[in-house]
Amino acid sequence: MSLIDEALKRAQEAARKEGESSQKRPWTPAPLPDAGLARRRRLVRLLAWALSAAATFLLGLVLVRAVWNAAGPSERPIARSAAPTAHAPEPTLAETVVTTPMAAPAAVPHPVKPTRMAMPEGVSVAETAPETTPAAPPAPRPLADGRTYVGVVQLPGGGRIELGGIAWSQEEPRALLNDRIVATGAYIEGFTVAKIEEDRVVLEKDGVSISISLK
Protein backbone atom coordinates (compact mmCIF):
# COMPACT_ATOMS: atom_id res chain seq x y z
CA MET A 1 0.00 0.00 0.00
CA SER A 2 2.85 2.39 0.71
CA LEU A 3 4.20 1.94 -2.78
CA ILE A 4 0.84 2.82 -4.31
CA ASP A 5 0.49 5.89 -2.09
CA GLU A 6 3.98 7.08 -3.00
CA ALA A 7 3.23 6.61 -6.73
CA LEU A 8 0.01 8.63 -6.41
CA LYS A 9 1.80 11.39 -4.55
CA ARG A 10 4.53 11.53 -7.19
CA ALA A 11 1.92 11.73 -9.98
CA GLN A 12 0.07 14.52 -8.17
CA GLU A 13 3.30 16.40 -7.60
CA ALA A 14 4.29 16.08 -11.24
CA ALA A 15 0.84 17.28 -12.39
CA ARG A 16 1.04 20.24 -10.03
CA LYS A 17 4.48 21.23 -11.30
CA GLU A 18 3.36 20.89 -14.94
CA GLY A 19 0.31 23.11 -14.27
CA GLU A 20 2.46 25.76 -12.63
CA SER A 21 4.89 25.75 -15.53
CA SER A 22 2.05 26.07 -18.07
CA GLN A 23 0.62 29.03 -16.14
CA LYS A 24 3.98 30.78 -16.12
CA ARG A 25 4.50 30.23 -19.88
CA PRO A 26 3.57 33.43 -21.90
CA TRP A 27 0.55 33.21 -24.32
CA THR A 28 1.42 33.51 -27.97
CA PRO A 29 -1.31 34.25 -30.55
CA ALA A 30 -1.86 31.95 -33.53
CA PRO A 31 -0.07 33.07 -36.68
CA LEU A 32 -2.25 35.03 -39.17
CA PRO A 33 -2.72 33.67 -42.69
CA ASP A 34 -0.36 35.03 -45.29
CA ALA A 35 -2.28 37.41 -47.63
CA GLY A 36 0.42 37.16 -50.28
CA LEU A 37 0.18 33.36 -50.31
CA ALA A 38 -3.62 33.47 -50.86
CA ARG A 39 -3.13 36.00 -53.69
CA ARG A 40 -0.52 33.83 -55.36
CA ARG A 41 -2.78 30.78 -55.12
CA ARG A 42 -5.63 32.70 -56.74
CA LEU A 43 -3.37 33.86 -59.59
CA VAL A 44 -2.22 30.28 -60.11
CA ARG A 45 -5.80 29.06 -60.34
CA LEU A 46 -6.72 31.80 -62.89
CA LEU A 47 -3.64 30.98 -64.97
CA ALA A 48 -4.50 27.27 -64.93
CA TRP A 49 -8.06 28.03 -66.06
CA ALA A 50 -6.85 30.26 -68.91
CA LEU A 51 -4.38 27.61 -70.08
CA SER A 52 -7.10 24.97 -69.99
CA ALA A 53 -9.45 27.13 -72.09
CA ALA A 54 -6.72 27.86 -74.63
CA ALA A 55 -5.82 24.17 -74.87
CA THR A 56 -9.49 23.26 -75.43
CA PHE A 57 -9.84 25.87 -78.19
CA LEU A 58 -6.66 24.68 -79.94
CA LEU A 59 -7.79 21.05 -79.71
CA GLY A 60 -11.17 21.93 -81.26
CA LEU A 61 -9.45 23.84 -84.08
CA VAL A 62 -7.17 20.88 -84.81
CA LEU A 63 -10.14 18.48 -84.90
CA VAL A 64 -12.05 20.73 -87.31
CA ARG A 65 -9.07 20.97 -89.67
CA ALA A 66 -8.58 17.22 -89.52
CA VAL A 67 -12.23 16.57 -90.43
CA TRP A 68 -12.03 19.14 -93.23
CA ASN A 69 -8.91 17.53 -94.70
CA ALA A 70 -10.39 14.04 -94.41
CA ALA A 71 -13.54 15.00 -96.32
CA GLY A 72 -13.32 14.62 -100.07
CA PRO A 73 -13.81 17.44 -102.54
CA SER A 74 -17.31 16.13 -103.33
CA GLU A 75 -18.35 16.35 -99.68
CA ARG A 76 -17.17 19.93 -99.16
CA PRO A 77 -19.79 22.65 -99.51
CA ILE A 78 -19.38 24.62 -102.73
CA ALA A 79 -20.74 28.11 -103.12
CA ARG A 80 -22.97 27.95 -106.17
CA SER A 81 -23.80 31.09 -108.02
CA ALA A 82 -27.19 31.51 -109.58
CA ALA A 83 -26.55 30.62 -113.19
CA PRO A 84 -28.97 31.96 -115.80
CA THR A 85 -31.52 29.39 -116.97
CA ALA A 86 -30.79 28.23 -120.45
CA HIS A 87 -33.78 28.85 -122.71
CA ALA A 88 -34.66 26.47 -125.46
CA PRO A 89 -33.85 27.82 -128.92
CA GLU A 90 -36.79 29.37 -130.66
CA PRO A 91 -37.96 27.43 -133.72
CA THR A 92 -37.30 28.95 -137.10
CA LEU A 93 -39.95 29.88 -139.59
CA ALA A 94 -39.38 26.71 -141.62
CA GLU A 95 -39.72 24.48 -138.55
CA THR A 96 -42.89 26.30 -137.57
CA VAL A 97 -44.41 25.76 -140.97
CA VAL A 98 -43.52 22.05 -141.00
CA THR A 99 -44.52 21.18 -137.44
CA THR A 100 -47.65 23.34 -137.12
CA PRO A 101 -50.76 21.71 -138.66
CA MET A 102 -52.93 23.74 -140.93
CA ALA A 103 -55.99 25.05 -139.17
CA ALA A 104 -59.33 25.07 -140.93
CA PRO A 105 -60.59 28.54 -141.80
CA ALA A 106 -63.15 29.78 -139.30
CA ALA A 107 -66.62 30.51 -140.53
CA VAL A 108 -67.16 34.21 -140.94
CA PRO A 109 -70.62 35.25 -139.71
CA HIS A 110 -72.73 37.31 -142.07
CA PRO A 111 -73.00 40.92 -141.00
CA VAL A 112 -76.35 41.83 -139.49
CA LYS A 113 -77.83 45.01 -140.78
CA PRO A 114 -79.01 47.31 -138.00
CA THR A 115 -82.70 48.05 -138.02
CA ARG A 116 -84.06 51.44 -137.19
CA MET A 117 -87.02 51.78 -134.83
CA ALA A 118 -89.44 54.51 -135.52
CA MET A 119 -89.76 56.73 -132.43
CA PRO A 120 -92.71 59.08 -132.05
CA GLU A 121 -91.90 62.71 -132.53
CA GLY A 122 -91.09 64.68 -129.39
CA VAL A 123 -90.15 61.56 -127.37
CA SER A 124 -86.50 60.93 -126.51
CA VAL A 125 -84.81 57.67 -125.65
CA ALA A 126 -84.23 58.78 -122.05
CA GLU A 127 -87.96 59.43 -121.63
CA THR A 128 -88.91 55.98 -122.90
CA ALA A 129 -86.52 54.13 -120.51
CA PRO A 130 -88.41 52.95 -117.43
CA GLU A 131 -87.27 54.48 -114.17
CA THR A 132 -86.15 51.96 -111.56
CA THR A 133 -86.51 53.01 -107.96
CA PRO A 134 -85.23 50.96 -105.05
CA ALA A 135 -87.91 49.12 -103.18
CA ALA A 136 -88.66 50.63 -99.82
CA PRO A 137 -88.13 48.31 -96.86
CA PRO A 138 -91.33 46.99 -95.37
CA ALA A 139 -92.61 49.04 -92.50
CA PRO A 140 -92.29 47.28 -89.14
CA ARG A 141 -95.52 45.90 -87.82
CA PRO A 142 -96.83 47.54 -84.65
CA LEU A 143 -96.80 45.51 -81.47
CA ALA A 144 -100.12 43.93 -80.58
CA ASP A 145 -101.34 44.24 -77.04
CA GLY A 146 -101.25 40.89 -75.20
CA ARG A 147 -99.24 39.08 -77.89
CA THR A 148 -96.60 36.51 -76.92
CA TYR A 149 -93.32 36.32 -78.89
CA VAL A 150 -90.93 33.38 -78.79
CA GLY A 151 -87.30 34.17 -77.92
CA VAL A 152 -87.06 37.61 -79.56
CA VAL A 153 -89.32 40.51 -80.54
CA GLN A 154 -88.58 43.07 -83.24
CA LEU A 155 -89.53 46.62 -82.20
CA PRO A 156 -91.09 49.14 -84.61
CA GLY A 157 -88.19 51.56 -84.13
CA GLY A 158 -85.65 49.00 -85.41
CA GLY A 159 -84.52 47.65 -82.06
CA ARG A 160 -85.06 44.23 -80.63
CA ILE A 161 -85.45 42.51 -77.27
CA GLU A 162 -84.06 38.99 -76.97
CA LEU A 163 -84.71 36.66 -74.05
CA GLY A 164 -81.62 34.62 -73.26
CA GLY A 165 -82.82 32.81 -70.13
CA ILE A 166 -84.71 33.00 -66.85
CA ALA A 167 -83.35 32.37 -63.34
CA TRP A 168 -86.61 31.65 -61.56
CA SER A 169 -87.12 32.04 -57.84
CA GLN A 170 -90.20 32.95 -55.84
CA GLU A 171 -88.54 35.88 -54.09
CA GLU A 172 -86.09 37.40 -56.64
CA PRO A 173 -86.55 36.13 -60.20
CA ARG A 174 -84.06 37.29 -62.83
CA ALA A 175 -84.13 37.33 -66.65
CA LEU A 176 -81.40 37.70 -69.31
CA LEU A 177 -82.60 40.34 -71.81
CA ASN A 178 -80.20 41.59 -74.51
CA ASP A 179 -77.27 40.05 -72.60
CA ARG A 180 -78.28 41.96 -69.42
CA ILE A 181 -79.47 40.43 -66.16
CA VAL A 182 -82.55 42.38 -65.14
CA ALA A 183 -85.11 42.12 -62.35
CA THR A 184 -88.74 43.18 -62.09
CA GLY A 185 -89.12 46.93 -62.66
CA ALA A 186 -86.04 47.30 -64.87
CA TYR A 187 -86.12 49.20 -68.21
CA ILE A 188 -85.05 47.64 -71.51
CA GLU A 189 -85.46 49.39 -74.90
CA GLY A 190 -88.10 51.70 -73.40
CA PHE A 191 -90.15 48.82 -71.95
CA THR A 192 -90.66 48.08 -68.26
CA VAL A 193 -90.17 44.54 -66.99
CA ALA A 194 -93.59 44.07 -65.39
CA LYS A 195 -93.36 40.38 -64.48
CA ILE A 196 -90.88 37.49 -64.65
CA GLU A 197 -92.46 34.04 -64.68
CA GLU A 198 -90.95 30.57 -65.02
CA ASP A 199 -91.08 30.48 -68.83
CA ARG A 200 -91.83 34.05 -69.97
CA VAL A 201 -91.23 37.74 -69.29
CA VAL A 202 -94.00 40.37 -69.46
CA LEU A 203 -93.06 43.84 -70.78
CA GLU A 204 -95.17 47.00 -70.75
CA LYS A 205 -94.93 50.36 -72.56
CA ASP A 206 -97.55 53.07 -73.21
CA GLY A 207 -100.42 50.79 -72.22
CA VAL A 208 -99.20 47.93 -74.50
CA SER A 209 -98.32 44.65 -72.79
CA ILE A 210 -96.33 41.94 -74.61
CA SER A 211 -94.72 38.69 -73.48
CA ILE A 212 -91.50 36.92 -74.52
CA SER A 213 -91.37 33.20 -73.85
CA LEU A 214 -88.46 30.80 -73.94
CA LYS A 215 -90.17 28.40 -76.37
C-alpha atoms as a PDB file:
ATOM      1  CA  MET A   1       0.000   0.000   0.000  1.00  0.00           C
ATOM      2  CA  SER A   2       2.848   2.388   0.714  1.00  0.00           C
ATOM      3  CA  LEU A   3       4.198   1.944  -2.783  1.00  0.00           C
ATOM      4  CA  ILE A   4       0.844   2.820  -4.309  1.00  0.00           C
ATOM      5  CA  ASP A   5       0.490   5.894  -2.090  1.00  0.00           C
ATOM      6  CA  GLU A   6       3.977   7.082  -2.999  1.00  0.00           C
ATOM      7  CA  ALA A   7       3.228   6.612  -6.730  1.00  0.00           C
ATOM      8  CA  LEU A   8       0.009   8.628  -6.410  1.00  0.00           C
ATOM      9  CA  LYS A   9       1.800  11.392  -4.547  1.00  0.00           C
ATOM     10  CA  ARG A  10       4.530  11.529  -7.185  1.00  0.00           C
ATOM     11  CA  ALA A  11       1.917  11.734  -9.978  1.00  0.00           C
ATOM     12  CA  GLN A  12       0.072  14.521  -8.165  1.00  0.00           C
ATOM     13  CA  GLU A  13       3.303  16.397  -7.602  1.00  0.00           C
ATOM     14  CA  ALA A  14       4.293  16.081 -11.242  1.00  0.00           C
ATOM     15  CA  ALA A  15       0.841  17.275 -12.385  1.00  0.00           C
ATOM     16  CA  ARG A  16       1.037  20.240 -10.027  1.00  0.00           C
ATOM     17  CA  LYS A  17       4.482  21.234 -11.305  1.00  0.00           C
ATOM     18  CA  GLU A  18       3.363  20.892 -14.937  1.00  0.00           C
ATOM     19  CA  GLY A  19       0.312  23.109 -14.273  1.00  0.00           C
ATOM     20  CA  GLU A  20       2.463  25.762 -12.635  1.00  0.00           C
ATOM     21  CA  SER A  21       4.894  25.752 -15.534  1.00  0.00           C
ATOM     22  CA  SER A  22       2.048  26.066 -18.065  1.00  0.00           C
ATOM     23  CA  GLN A  23       0.619  29.026 -16.139  1.00  0.00           C
ATOM     24  CA  LYS A  24       3.981  30.782 -16.117  1.00  0.00           C
ATOM     25  CA  ARG A  25       4.500  30.230 -19.879  1.00  0.00           C
ATOM     26  CA  PRO A  26       3.569  33.428 -21.899  1.00  0.00           C
ATOM     27  CA  TRP A  27       0.550  33.209 -24.318  1.00  0.00           C
ATOM     28  CA  THR A  28       1.420  33.509 -27.968  1.00  0.00           C
ATOM     29  CA  PRO A  29      -1.309  34.248 -30.550  1.00  0.00           C
ATOM     30  CA  ALA A  30      -1.860  31.946 -33.528  1.00  0.00           C
ATOM     31  CA  PRO A  31      -0.070  33.075 -36.683  1.00  0.00           C
ATOM     32  CA  LEU A  32      -2.248  35.034 -39.169  1.00  0.00           C
ATOM     33  CA  PRO A  33      -2.720  33.667 -42.691  1.00  0.00           C
ATOM     34  CA  ASP A  34      -0.359  35.031 -45.294  1.00  0.00           C
ATOM     35  CA  ALA A  35      -2.279  37.409 -47.627  1.00  0.00           C
ATOM     36  CA  GLY A  36       0.419  37.163 -50.283  1.00  0.00           C
ATOM     37  CA  LEU A  37       0.176  33.362 -50.308  1.00  0.00           C
ATOM     38  CA  ALA A  38      -3.624  33.473 -50.861  1.00  0.00           C
ATOM     39  CA  ARG A  39      -3.134  35.995 -53.687  1.00  0.00           C
ATOM     40  CA  ARG A  40      -0.517  33.827 -55.359  1.00  0.00           C
ATOM     41  CA  ARG A  41      -2.775  30.775 -55.119  1.00  0.00           C
ATOM     42  CA  ARG A  42      -5.631  32.697 -56.737  1.00  0.00           C
ATOM     43  CA  LEU A  43      -3.373  33.856 -59.585  1.00  0.00           C
ATOM     44  CA  VAL A  44      -2.215  30.278 -60.109  1.00  0.00           C
ATOM     45  CA  ARG A  45      -5.803  29.062 -60.342  1.00  0.00           C
ATOM     46  CA  LEU A  46      -6.716  31.797 -62.889  1.00  0.00           C
ATOM     47  CA  LEU A  47      -3.641  30.979 -64.972  1.00  0.00           C
ATOM     48  CA  ALA A  48      -4.500  27.274 -64.930  1.00  0.00           C
ATOM     49  CA  TRP A  49      -8.064  28.033 -66.062  1.00  0.00           C
ATOM     50  CA  ALA A  50      -6.849  30.262 -68.913  1.00  0.00           C
ATOM     51  CA  LEU A  51      -4.376  27.607 -70.082  1.00  0.00           C
ATOM     52  CA  SER A  52      -7.104  24.968 -69.995  1.00  0.00           C
ATOM     53  CA  ALA A  53      -9.449  27.133 -72.093  1.00  0.00           C
ATOM     54  CA  ALA A  54      -6.718  27.858 -74.627  1.00  0.00           C
ATOM     55  CA  ALA A  55      -5.824  24.166 -74.872  1.00  0.00           C
ATOM     56  CA  THR A  56      -9.492  23.260 -75.431  1.00  0.00           C
ATOM     57  CA  PHE A  57      -9.835  25.866 -78.187  1.00  0.00           C
ATOM     58  CA  LEU A  58      -6.657  24.680 -79.941  1.00  0.00           C
ATOM     59  CA  LEU A  59      -7.786  21.051 -79.715  1.00  0.00           C
ATOM     60  CA  GLY A  60     -11.174  21.929 -81.264  1.00  0.00           C
ATOM     61  CA  LEU A  61      -9.450  23.839 -84.081  1.00  0.00           C
ATOM     62  CA  VAL A  62      -7.175  20.884 -84.806  1.00  0.00           C
ATOM     63  CA  LEU A  63     -10.137  18.483 -84.903  1.00  0.00           C
ATOM     64  CA  VAL A  64     -12.046  20.734 -87.314  1.00  0.00           C
ATOM     65  CA  ARG A  65      -9.065  20.971 -89.669  1.00  0.00           C
ATOM     66  CA  ALA A  66      -8.584  17.216 -89.519  1.00  0.00           C
ATOM     67  CA  VAL A  67     -12.229  16.571 -90.425  1.00  0.00           C
ATOM     68  CA  TRP A  68     -12.032  19.138 -93.232  1.00  0.00           C
ATOM     69  CA  ASN A  69      -8.913  17.533 -94.702  1.00  0.00           C
ATOM     70  CA  ALA A  70     -10.385  14.039 -94.405  1.00  0.00           C
ATOM     71  CA  ALA A  71     -13.542  14.997 -96.318  1.00  0.00           C
ATOM     72  CA  GLY A  72     -13.323  14.618-100.071  1.00  0.00           C
ATOM     73  CA  PRO A  73     -13.809  17.439-102.538  1.00  0.00           C
ATOM     74  CA  SER A  74     -17.306  16.134-103.334  1.00  0.00           C
ATOM     75  CA  GLU A  75     -18.353  16.353 -99.679  1.00  0.00           C
ATOM     76  CA  ARG A  76     -17.168  19.925 -99.160  1.00  0.00           C
ATOM     77  CA  PRO A  77     -19.787  22.651 -99.510  1.00  0.00           C
ATOM     78  CA  ILE A  78     -19.379  24.618-102.729  1.00  0.00           C
ATOM     79  CA  ALA A  79     -20.741  28.111-103.116  1.00  0.00           C
ATOM     80  CA  ARG A  80     -22.965  27.946-106.165  1.00  0.00           C
ATOM     81  CA  SER A  81     -23.800  31.090-108.016  1.00  0.00           C
ATOM     82  CA  ALA A  82     -27.193  31.512-109.578  1.00  0.00           C
ATOM     83  CA  ALA A  83     -26.547  30.624-113.192  1.00  0.00           C
ATOM     84  CA  PRO A  84     -28.972  31.958-115.801  1.00  0.00           C
ATOM     85  CA  THR A  85     -31.523  29.390-116.968  1.00  0.00           C
ATOM     86  CA  ALA A  86     -30.794  28.230-120.447  1.00  0.00           C
ATOM     87  CA  HIS A  87     -33.782  28.853-122.712  1.00  0.00           C
ATOM     88  CA  ALA A  88     -34.661  26.472-125.462  1.00  0.00           C
ATOM     89  CA  PRO A  89     -33.847  27.821-128.919  1.00  0.00           C
ATOM     90  CA  GLU A  90     -36.785  29.366-130.664  1.00  0.00           C
ATOM     91  CA  PRO A  91     -37.961  27.433-133.718  1.00  0.00           C
ATOM     92  CA  THR A  92     -37.296  28.953-137.098  1.00  0.00           C
ATOM     93  CA  LEU A  93     -39.950  29.879-139.587  1.00  0.00           C
ATOM     94  CA  ALA A  94     -39.382  26.710-141.622  1.00  0.00           C
ATOM     95  CA  GLU A  95     -39.724  24.483-138.550  1.00  0.00           C
ATOM     96  CA  THR A  96     -42.892  26.300-137.569  1.00  0.00           C
ATOM     97  CA  VAL A  97     -44.412  25.764-140.970  1.00  0.00           C
ATOM     98  CA  VAL A  98     -43.521  22.053-140.998  1.00  0.00           C
ATOM     99  CA  THR A  99     -44.524  21.179-137.435  1.00  0.00           C
ATOM    100  CA  THR A 100     -47.648  23.336-137.121  1.00  0.00           C
ATOM    101  CA  PRO A 101     -50.759  21.710-138.660  1.00  0.00           C
ATOM    102  CA  MET A 102     -52.931  23.738-140.928  1.00  0.00           C
ATOM    103  CA  ALA A 103     -55.991  25.050-139.169  1.00  0.00           C
ATOM    104  CA  ALA A 104     -59.332  25.067-140.929  1.00  0.00           C
ATOM    105  CA  PRO A 105     -60.592  28.543-141.804  1.00  0.00           C
ATOM    106  CA  ALA A 106     -63.146  29.779-139.304  1.00  0.00           C
ATOM    107  CA  ALA A 107     -66.621  30.507-140.534  1.00  0.00           C
ATOM    108  CA  VAL A 108     -67.164  34.214-140.943  1.00  0.00           C
ATOM    109  CA  PRO A 109     -70.622  35.252-139.715  1.00  0.00           C
ATOM    110  CA  HIS A 110     -72.730  37.315-142.068  1.00  0.00           C
ATOM    111  CA  PRO A 111     -72.999  40.922-141.004  1.00  0.00           C
ATOM    112  CA  VAL A 112     -76.349  41.826-139.491  1.00  0.00           C
ATOM    113  CA  LYS A 113     -77.834  45.009-140.781  1.00  0.00           C
ATOM    114  CA  PRO A 114     -79.013  47.309-137.997  1.00  0.00           C
ATOM    115  CA  THR A 115     -82.703  48.047-138.021  1.00  0.00           C
ATOM    116  CA  ARG A 116     -84.062  51.444-137.189  1.00  0.00           C
ATOM    117  CA  MET A 117     -87.018  51.777-134.832  1.00  0.00           C
ATOM    118  CA  ALA A 118     -89.441  54.509-135.525  1.00  0.00           C
ATOM    119  CA  MET A 119     -89.762  56.732-132.434  1.00  0.00           C
ATOM    120  CA  PRO A 120     -92.712  59.080-132.047  1.00  0.00           C
ATOM    121  CA  GLU A 121     -91.899  62.710-132.532  1.00  0.00           C
ATOM    122  CA  GLY A 122     -91.092  64.675-129.392  1.00  0.00           C
ATOM    123  CA  VAL A 123     -90.151  61.559-127.366  1.00  0.00           C
ATOM    124  CA  SER A 124     -86.496  60.933-126.514  1.00  0.00           C
ATOM    125  CA  VAL A 125     -84.805  57.668-125.653  1.00  0.00           C
ATOM    126  CA  ALA A 126     -84.229  58.780-122.053  1.00  0.00           C
ATOM    127  CA  GLU A 127     -87.964  59.425-121.630  1.00  0.00           C
ATOM    128  CA  THR A 128     -88.907  55.978-122.903  1.00  0.00           C
ATOM    129  CA  ALA A 129     -86.523  54.131-120.507  1.00  0.00           C
ATOM    130  CA  PRO A 130     -88.405  52.950-117.432  1.00  0.00           C
ATOM    131  CA  GLU A 131     -87.271  54.477-114.167  1.00  0.00           C
ATOM    132  CA  THR A 132     -86.147  51.964-111.565  1.00  0.00           C
ATOM    133  CA  THR A 133     -86.515  53.015-107.963  1.00  0.00           C
ATOM    134  CA  PRO A 134     -85.225  50.964-105.054  1.00  0.00           C
ATOM    135  CA  ALA A 135     -87.906  49.117-103.182  1.00  0.00           C
ATOM    136  CA  ALA A 136     -88.661  50.633 -99.823  1.00  0.00           C
ATOM    137  CA  PRO A 137     -88.126  48.311 -96.864  1.00  0.00           C
ATOM    138  CA  PRO A 138     -91.332  46.987 -95.372  1.00  0.00           C
ATOM    139  CA  ALA A 139     -92.609  49.037 -92.499  1.00  0.00           C
ATOM    140  CA  PRO A 140     -92.290  47.275 -89.136  1.00  0.00           C
ATOM    141  CA  ARG A 141     -95.516  45.902 -87.825  1.00  0.00           C
ATOM    142  CA  PRO A 142     -96.826  47.543 -84.652  1.00  0.00           C
ATOM    143  CA  LEU A 143     -96.800  45.508 -81.470  1.00  0.00           C
ATOM    144  CA  ALA A 144    -100.125  43.926 -80.583  1.00  0.00           C
ATOM    145  CA  ASP A 145    -101.336  44.237 -77.035  1.00  0.00           C
ATOM    146  CA  GLY A 146    -101.247  40.895 -75.201  1.00  0.00           C
ATOM    147  CA  ARG A 147     -99.235  39.083 -77.892  1.00  0.00           C
ATOM    148  CA  THR A 148     -96.601  36.505 -76.924  1.00  0.00           C
ATOM    149  CA  TYR A 149     -93.320  36.320 -78.889  1.00  0.00           C
ATOM    150  CA  VAL A 150     -90.929  33.377 -78.787  1.00  0.00           C
ATOM    151  CA  GLY A 151     -87.303  34.174 -77.925  1.00  0.00           C
ATOM    152  CA  VAL A 152     -87.056  37.615 -79.562  1.00  0.00           C
ATOM    153  CA  VAL A 153     -89.324  40.505 -80.537  1.00  0.00           C
ATOM    154  CA  GLN A 154     -88.582  43.072 -83.242  1.00  0.00           C
ATOM    155  CA  LEU A 155     -89.534  46.616 -82.201  1.00  0.00           C
ATOM    156  CA  PRO A 156     -91.090  49.143 -84.609  1.00  0.00           C
ATOM    157  CA  GLY A 157     -88.191  51.558 -84.131  1.00  0.00           C
ATOM    158  CA  GLY A 158     -85.655  49.002 -85.410  1.00  0.00           C
ATOM    159  CA  GLY A 159     -84.520  47.652 -82.064  1.00  0.00           C
ATOM    160  CA  ARG A 160     -85.063  44.230 -80.633  1.00  0.00           C
ATOM    161  CA  ILE A 161     -85.452  42.505 -77.273  1.00  0.00           C
ATOM    162  CA  GLU A 162     -84.061  38.987 -76.973  1.00  0.00           C
ATOM    163  CA  LEU A 163     -84.715  36.664 -74.053  1.00  0.00           C
ATOM    164  CA  GLY A 164     -81.618  34.622 -73.258  1.00  0.00           C
ATOM    165  CA  GLY A 165     -82.818  32.811 -70.134  1.00  0.00           C
ATOM    166  CA  ILE A 166     -84.711  32.996 -66.850  1.00  0.00           C
ATOM    167  CA  ALA A 167     -83.347  32.369 -63.340  1.00  0.00           C
ATOM    168  CA  TRP A 168     -86.606  31.652 -61.558  1.00  0.00           C
ATOM    169  CA  SER A 169     -87.121  32.037 -57.837  1.00  0.00           C
ATOM    170  CA  GLN A 170     -90.197  32.952 -55.839  1.00  0.00           C
ATOM    171  CA  GLU A 171     -88.538  35.880 -54.091  1.00  0.00           C
ATOM    172  CA  GLU A 172     -86.091  37.403 -56.644  1.00  0.00           C
ATOM    173  CA  PRO A 173     -86.547  36.127 -60.202  1.00  0.00           C
ATOM    174  CA  ARG A 174     -84.056  37.290 -62.832  1.00  0.00           C
ATOM    175  CA  ALA A 175     -84.130  37.335 -66.653  1.00  0.00           C
ATOM    176  CA  LEU A 176     -81.397  37.695 -69.307  1.00  0.00           C
ATOM    177  CA  LEU A 177     -82.596  40.340 -71.806  1.00  0.00           C
ATOM    178  CA  ASN A 178     -80.198  41.588 -74.507  1.00  0.00           C
ATOM    179  CA  ASP A 179     -77.273  40.046 -72.600  1.00  0.00           C
ATOM    180  CA  ARG A 180     -78.276  41.956 -69.418  1.00  0.00           C
ATOM    181  CA  ILE A 181     -79.466  40.433 -66.161  1.00  0.00           C
ATOM    182  CA  VAL A 182     -82.551  42.379 -65.138  1.00  0.00           C
ATOM    183  CA  ALA A 183     -85.114  42.125 -62.352  1.00  0.00           C
ATOM    184  CA  THR A 184     -88.741  43.179 -62.094  1.00  0.00           C
ATOM    185  CA  GLY A 185     -89.124  46.932 -62.657  1.00  0.00           C
ATOM    186  CA  ALA A 186     -86.043  47.300 -64.874  1.00  0.00           C
ATOM    187  CA  TYR A 187     -86.124  49.202 -68.210  1.00  0.00           C
ATOM    188  CA  ILE A 188     -85.053  47.642 -71.511  1.00  0.00           C
ATOM    189  CA  GLU A 189     -85.458  49.394 -74.902  1.00  0.00           C
ATOM    190  CA  GLY A 190     -88.105  51.704 -73.399  1.00  0.00           C
ATOM    191  CA  PHE A 191     -90.148  48.824 -71.948  1.00  0.00           C
ATOM    192  CA  THR A 192     -90.655  48.077 -68.265  1.00  0.00           C
ATOM    193  CA  VAL A 193     -90.167  44.536 -66.994  1.00  0.00           C
ATOM    194  CA  ALA A 194     -93.590  44.065 -65.392  1.00  0.00           C
ATOM    195  CA  LYS A 195     -93.357  40.380 -64.481  1.00  0.00           C
ATOM    196  CA  ILE A 196     -90.882  37.493 -64.652  1.00  0.00           C
ATOM    197  CA  GLU A 197     -92.459  34.038 -64.684  1.00  0.00           C
ATOM    198  CA  GLU A 198     -90.948  30.574 -65.021  1.00  0.00           C
ATOM    199  CA  ASP A 199     -91.081  30.477 -68.834  1.00  0.00           C
ATOM    200  CA  ARG A 200     -91.827  34.046 -69.967  1.00  0.00           C
ATOM    201  CA  VAL A 201     -91.227  37.744 -69.293  1.00  0.00           C
ATOM    202  CA  VAL A 202     -94.004  40.368 -69.457  1.00  0.00           C
ATOM    203  CA  LEU A 203     -93.057  43.839 -70.781  1.00  0.00           C
ATOM    204  CA  GLU A 204     -95.169  47.003 -70.754  1.00  0.00           C
ATOM    205  CA  LYS A 205     -94.928  50.362 -72.559  1.00  0.00           C
ATOM    206  CA  ASP A 206     -97.546  53.072 -73.205  1.00  0.00           C
ATOM    207  CA  GLY A 207    -100.416  50.785 -72.225  1.00  0.00           C
ATOM    208  CA  VAL A 208     -99.197  47.931 -74.499  1.00  0.00           C
ATOM    209  CA  SER A 209     -98.321  44.652 -72.788  1.00  0.00           C
ATOM    210  CA  ILE A 210     -96.334  41.935 -74.606  1.00  0.00           C
ATOM    211  CA  SER A 211     -94.716  38.688 -73.477  1.00  0.00           C
ATOM    212  CA  ILE A 212     -91.500  36.923 -74.523  1.00  0.00           C
ATOM    213  CA  SER A 213     -91.367  33.201 -73.855  1.00  0.00           C
ATOM    214  CA  LEU A 214     -88.459  30.803 -73.943  1.00  0.00           C
ATOM    215  CA  LYS A 215     -90.166  28.395 -76.370  1.00  0.00           C
END
